[in-house]
Protein backbone atom coordinates (compact mmCIF):
# COMPACT_ATOMS: atom_id res chain seq x y z
CA MET A 1 110.00 108.63 91.98
CA PRO A 2 107.53 109.42 94.81
CA ILE A 3 104.82 107.47 96.22
CA ILE A 4 102.15 109.64 97.92
CA LEU A 5 99.89 108.12 100.33
CA VAL A 6 96.19 109.28 100.90
CA GLY A 7 93.98 107.52 103.46
CA GLY A 8 91.05 108.30 105.41
CA GLY A 9 87.59 106.55 106.35
CA ALA A 10 85.14 105.94 103.94
CA ARG A 11 83.61 108.97 101.94
CA SER A 12 86.47 110.80 103.98
CA GLY A 13 87.27 112.89 100.49
CA LYS A 14 90.73 110.81 99.71
CA SER A 15 89.70 110.01 96.42
CA SER A 16 89.17 113.65 95.46
CA TYR A 17 92.26 114.89 97.28
CA ALA A 18 94.33 112.20 95.18
CA LEU A 19 93.04 113.37 91.90
CA THR A 20 93.78 117.17 93.23
CA LEU A 21 97.31 116.24 93.74
CA ALA A 22 97.33 114.51 90.52
CA GLU A 23 96.58 117.46 88.53
CA SER A 24 100.14 118.92 89.27
CA TYR A 25 102.38 116.14 87.25
CA GLY A 26 101.16 116.61 84.27
CA PRO A 27 98.29 116.49 81.62
CA ARG A 28 98.85 112.49 80.96
CA LYS A 29 97.09 110.89 83.95
CA ALA A 30 96.30 106.75 84.45
CA PHE A 31 93.93 105.68 86.83
CA ILE A 32 94.37 101.84 88.16
CA ALA A 33 91.03 101.03 89.94
CA THR A 34 91.20 97.56 91.94
CA ALA A 35 87.75 97.34 92.48
CA GLN A 36 85.64 94.23 91.18
CA VAL A 37 81.91 94.63 90.43
CA TYR A 38 80.06 92.19 91.70
CA ASP A 39 76.82 94.29 92.30
CA GLU A 40 74.86 97.15 91.14
CA GLU A 41 75.89 99.35 94.15
CA MET A 42 79.36 98.82 93.38
CA ALA A 43 78.86 99.42 89.57
CA GLU A 44 77.13 102.87 90.56
CA ARG A 45 80.24 103.78 92.74
CA VAL A 46 82.21 102.75 90.00
CA ARG A 47 80.16 104.96 87.52
CA LEU A 48 80.42 107.80 90.39
CA HIS A 49 84.29 107.13 90.55
CA ARG A 50 84.43 107.72 86.79
CA GLU A 51 82.30 110.52 86.57
CA GLU A 52 84.37 112.62 88.80
CA ARG A 53 87.69 111.61 86.73
CA ASN A 54 86.33 112.55 83.49
CA ASP A 55 88.45 111.81 80.38
CA ALA A 56 91.19 113.14 82.18
CA TYR A 57 92.55 109.74 82.81
CA SER A 58 93.25 106.53 81.15
CA THR A 59 91.53 103.88 83.30
CA ILE A 60 93.05 100.45 84.02
CA GLU A 61 91.06 98.03 85.85
CA GLU A 62 93.39 95.46 87.35
CA PRO A 63 92.34 93.55 90.53
CA TYR A 64 95.46 91.72 91.24
CA GLU A 65 98.57 92.48 89.57
CA LEU A 66 98.94 95.76 90.48
CA ALA A 67 103.09 96.23 90.17
CA THR A 68 102.74 95.29 86.78
CA ALA A 69 100.06 97.70 85.74
CA ILE A 70 102.16 100.71 87.07
CA ARG A 71 105.28 99.48 85.10
CA GLN A 72 102.97 99.14 82.09
CA GLN A 73 102.31 102.97 82.20
CA GLU A 74 105.99 104.22 82.61
CA GLY A 75 106.66 106.30 79.08
CA LEU A 76 102.77 106.75 78.65
CA ALA A 77 101.74 108.65 82.26
CA ASP A 78 102.89 111.22 83.69
CA VAL A 79 101.25 109.93 87.26
CA VAL A 80 99.43 106.99 88.34
CA VAL A 81 96.71 106.94 90.90
CA VAL A 82 95.53 104.19 92.73
CA ASP A 83 92.26 103.57 93.96
CA CYS A 84 92.78 101.87 96.64
CA LEU A 85 95.43 99.50 98.44
CA THR A 86 92.76 97.74 100.47
CA LEU A 87 90.06 96.61 97.64
CA TRP A 88 93.48 95.17 96.06
CA LEU A 89 94.42 93.75 99.44
CA THR A 90 90.58 92.14 99.93
CA ASN A 91 91.50 90.97 96.05
CA LEU A 92 94.60 89.07 97.37
CA LEU A 93 93.04 87.91 100.38
CA LEU A 94 90.04 86.02 99.00
CA ALA A 95 92.25 84.52 96.36
CA ASP A 96 94.61 83.53 98.85
CA ARG A 97 97.67 85.72 97.87
CA GLU A 98 97.96 88.32 100.26
CA ALA A 99 101.51 87.33 100.75
CA GLU A 100 102.39 88.98 97.33
CA ALA A 101 101.36 92.50 98.87
CA ALA A 102 104.44 93.58 100.77
CA ALA A 103 106.34 92.69 97.85
CA ALA A 104 104.07 94.52 94.99
CA LEU A 105 104.89 97.63 97.41
CA GLU A 106 108.38 97.17 96.91
CA GLU A 107 108.37 96.99 93.25
CA ILE A 108 106.11 99.96 93.07
CA ALA A 109 108.34 102.33 95.02
CA LYS A 110 111.00 101.05 92.19
CA SER A 111 109.31 103.00 89.49
CA PRO A 112 110.29 106.08 88.28
CA LEU A 113 106.42 107.03 87.98
CA PRO A 114 105.08 109.16 90.86
CA CYS A 115 102.19 106.99 92.16
CA ILE A 116 99.45 108.68 94.23
CA LEU A 117 98.03 105.51 96.66
CA ILE A 118 94.76 105.87 98.01
CA THR A 119 94.09 103.57 100.80
CA ASN A 120 91.52 102.76 103.57
CA GLU A 121 92.04 103.72 107.30
CA VAL A 122 90.19 100.29 109.05
CA GLY A 123 91.63 100.10 112.01
CA CYS A 124 89.42 102.78 114.04
CA GLY A 125 86.43 100.80 114.43
CA ILE A 126 85.51 98.09 116.74
CA VAL A 127 87.27 94.77 116.58
CA PRO A 128 85.49 92.78 113.98
CA ASP A 129 83.65 89.60 114.96
CA ASN A 130 85.14 87.35 112.94
CA ALA A 131 88.57 85.68 111.66
CA LEU A 132 88.40 86.80 108.24
CA ALA A 133 87.67 90.44 109.48
CA ARG A 134 90.29 90.43 111.64
CA ARG A 135 92.63 89.16 109.48
CA PHE A 136 91.99 91.78 107.17
CA ARG A 137 92.01 94.92 109.15
CA ASP A 138 95.48 93.33 110.76
CA LEU A 139 96.95 92.77 107.03
CA ALA A 140 95.31 96.40 105.95
CA GLY A 141 97.04 98.42 108.84
CA ARG A 142 100.97 96.59 108.44
CA LEU A 143 99.83 97.49 104.22
CA ASN A 144 98.98 101.15 105.08
CA GLN A 145 102.22 101.03 107.66
CA GLN A 146 104.55 99.93 104.74
CA ALA A 147 103.06 102.28 102.19
CA ALA A 148 103.44 105.21 104.85
CA ALA A 149 106.90 104.38 105.28
CA LEU A 150 107.73 103.76 101.48
CA ALA A 151 105.91 107.40 100.98
CA ILE A 152 107.66 110.81 100.39
CA GLU A 153 104.34 112.39 101.09
CA VAL A 154 101.30 110.88 103.53
CA TYR A 155 97.94 112.93 103.90
CA TYR A 156 94.82 111.48 105.91
CA THR A 157 91.43 112.65 105.12
CA ALA A 158 88.55 113.62 107.57
CA PHE A 159 85.82 115.36 106.99
CA GLY A 160 86.74 116.17 103.48
CA ILE A 161 89.76 118.15 104.63
CA PRO A 162 93.02 116.52 104.00
CA LEU A 163 96.14 116.66 106.50
CA ARG A 164 99.55 116.36 105.43
CA ILE A 165 101.21 113.78 108.18
CA LYS A 166 104.33 113.25 106.17
CA PRO A 167 106.62 114.89 106.26
CA GLY A 168 106.04 116.53 109.12
CA ALA A 169 107.41 116.89 112.63
CA LEU A 170 108.20 113.55 113.97
CA VAL A 171 108.31 113.20 117.88
CA THR A 172 110.03 109.81 119.43
CA PRO A 173 110.67 108.60 122.70
């Protein structure tokens, strides 16, 4: 089934738009949260996201085994929303498991369950000043490219406005 990728910068409206897209798939919606809560600020972010979803979603917290968590929703949900790929990649990177990301995305693409994947665009800023941040930026860029290639639809959100970039006209040199 389809992968739909929704990306953008911080606070660009990508999560809200992904939830809007999920509404058209049916009443049984799952939300896979990849964030890990280490401080009060992150706990507040999680609380606000849960409030936005209310009771319309079953929530699964899974920081590492994303493909497995999606497979477990097959037959239980009409659609799954994953928020977000870049936090998931961060978890894998810090656990020295980032090499697993590409294969997991391939597994997700094989699922019969429609998946709306949310991701951050992190390559539009300055070059980070440390090796770990540069490595993350490069890995995130590659992961986002892979997810976009596997997706049937790709949206980029800016200023709360979703822009559809796939399918769309492609001009090649």
